[in-house]
C-alpha atoms as a PDB file:
ATOM      1  CA  MET A   1     165.037 148.779  54.909  1.00  0.00           C
ATOM      2  CA  SER A   2     167.768 146.285  56.061  1.00  0.00           C
ATOM      3  CA  ALA A   3     167.482 142.667  55.314  1.00  0.00           C
ATOM      4  CA  GLY A   4     165.862 140.886  58.291  1.00  0.00           C
ATOM      5  CA  LEU A   5     163.796 143.823  59.535  1.00  0.00           C
ATOM      6  CA  VAL A   6     160.246 143.775  59.354  1.00  0.00           C
ATOM      7  CA  LEU A   7     158.079 146.939  59.353  1.00  0.00           C
ATOM      8  CA  ILE A   8     154.833 146.426  61.345  1.00  0.00           C
ATOM      9  CA  ASP A   9     154.005 150.078  62.227  1.00  0.00           C
ATOM     10  CA  LEU A  10     153.016 152.930  60.054  1.00  0.00           C
ATOM     11  CA  VAL A  11     152.581 156.575  61.141  1.00  0.00           C
ATOM     12  CA  LEU A  12     150.327 158.446  58.569  1.00  0.00           C
ATOM     13  CA  GLY A  13     149.742 162.122  57.799  1.00  0.00           C
ATOM     14  CA  GLY A  14     149.252 163.787  54.468  1.00  0.00           C
ATOM     15  CA  LEU A  15     146.696 165.067  52.002  1.00  0.00           C
ATOM     16  CA  VAL A  16     143.632 164.462  51.843  1.00  0.00           C
ATOM     17  CA  THR A  17     142.461 163.028  55.169  1.00  0.00           C
ATOM     18  CA  THR A  18     139.394 161.325  53.782  1.00  0.00           C
ATOM     19  CA  MET A  19     140.999 160.331  50.572  1.00  0.00           C
ATOM     20  CA  GLY A  20     144.661 159.675  50.477  1.00  0.00           C
ATOM     21  CA  VAL A  21     145.096 159.083  54.162  1.00  0.00           C
ATOM     22  CA  GLU A  22     142.014 157.040  54.750  1.00  0.00           C
ATOM     23  CA  SER A  23     142.548 154.778  51.728  1.00  0.00           C
ATOM     24  CA  THR A  24     146.183 154.139  52.652  1.00  0.00           C
ATOM     25  CA  ALA A  25     145.046 153.306  56.179  1.00  0.00           C
ATOM     26  CA  ARG A  26     142.472 150.886  55.002  1.00  0.00           C
ATOM     27  CA  ALA A  27     144.951 149.138  52.621  1.00  0.00           C
ATOM     28  CA  ALA A  28     147.659 148.974  55.420  1.00  0.00           C
ATOM     29  CA  SER A  29     145.235 147.537  57.938  1.00  0.00           C
ATOM     30  CA  ASP A  30     144.130 144.866  55.537  1.00  0.00           C
ATOM     31  CA  HIS A  31     147.799 143.942  55.260  1.00  0.00           C
ATOM     32  CA  GLY A  32     148.136 143.661  59.104  1.00  0.00           C
ATOM     33  CA  TYR A  33     150.116 146.999  59.862  1.00  0.00           C
ATOM     34  CA  GLU A  34     149.730 148.612  63.178  1.00  0.00           C
ATOM     35  CA  LEU A  35     148.697 152.264  62.537  1.00  0.00           C
ATOM     36  CA  GLU A  36     148.925 155.762  64.060  1.00  0.00           C
ATOM     37  CA  PHE A  37     147.660 158.960  62.793  1.00  0.00           C
ATOM     38  CA  VAL A  38     149.120 162.396  63.229  1.00  0.00           C
ATOM     39  CA  ALA A  39     146.037 164.509  63.186  1.00  0.00           C
ATOM     40  CA  ASP A  40     147.624 167.786  62.842  1.00  0.00           C
ATOM     41  CA  ALA A  41     149.884 166.632  59.958  1.00  0.00           C
ATOM     42  CA  MET A  42     147.138 166.116  57.480  1.00  0.00           C
ATOM     43  CA  SER A  43     144.137 168.166  56.139  1.00  0.00           C
ATOM     44  CA  GLY A  44     140.842 167.549  54.353  1.00  0.00           C
ATOM     45  CA  LEU A  45     138.833 169.212  51.691  1.00  0.00           C
ATOM     46  CA  THR A  46     136.783 170.487  54.550  1.00  0.00           C
ATOM     47  CA  ALA A  47     137.231 170.844  58.296  1.00  0.00           C
ATOM     48  CA  GLU A  48     134.128 168.882  58.975  1.00  0.00           C
ATOM     49  CA  GLU A  49     135.316 166.010  56.890  1.00  0.00           C
ATOM     50  CA  HIS A  50     138.812 165.998  58.466  1.00  0.00           C
ATOM     51  CA  ASP A  51     137.312 166.202  62.001  1.00  0.00           C
ATOM     52  CA  PHE A  52     134.817 163.333  61.440  1.00  0.00           C
ATOM     53  CA  ALA A  53     137.795 161.105  60.177  1.00  0.00           C
ATOM     54  CA  VAL A  54     140.011 161.963  63.019  1.00  0.00           C
ATOM     55  CA  ARG A  55     137.272 161.531  65.742  1.00  0.00           C
ATOM     56  CA  ARG A  56     135.444 158.696  64.247  1.00  0.00           C
ATOM     57  CA  THR A  57     137.067 156.656  61.550  1.00  0.00           C
ATOM     58  CA  PHE A  58     140.875 156.555  62.492  1.00  0.00           C
ATOM     59  CA  PRO A  59     140.401 155.452  65.990  1.00  0.00           C
ATOM     60  CA  ARG A  60     139.019 152.199  64.672  1.00  0.00           C
ATOM     61  CA  PHE A  61     142.182 151.470  63.014  1.00  0.00           C
ATOM     62  CA  GLY A  62     144.703 152.881  65.417  1.00  0.00           C
ATOM     63  CA  ALA A  63     145.848 155.660  67.692  1.00  0.00           C
ATOM     64  CA  VAL A  64     145.274 159.270  66.744  1.00  0.00           C
ATOM     65  CA  ARG A  65     148.076 161.646  67.953  1.00  0.00           C
ATOM     66  CA  ASN A  66     149.552 165.108  67.280  1.00  0.00           C
ATOM     67  CA  THR A  67     152.940 166.018  66.142  1.00  0.00           C
ATOM     68  CA  THR A  68     154.008 166.995  69.570  1.00  0.00           C
ATOM     69  CA  ASP A  69     153.880 163.380  70.461  1.00  0.00           C
ATOM     70  CA  TYR A  70     156.661 162.712  67.981  1.00  0.00           C
ATOM     71  CA  LEU A  71     158.962 165.681  68.746  1.00  0.00           C
END
């Protein structure tokens, strides 16, 4: 990152939805970052866990989008 630039938005995806992605989101939110989640760029241990996080948890922290929103 260049000097003088401030990162305020994070776009998250990855493995595992309810572990790595969710814990990163919680920490980033605690530090004041604006968050976006790419729902189809992450997966969970089960489809039910993933769906719950995408529908219920992540919207409390930021916008939930799909990869087509970034292409």
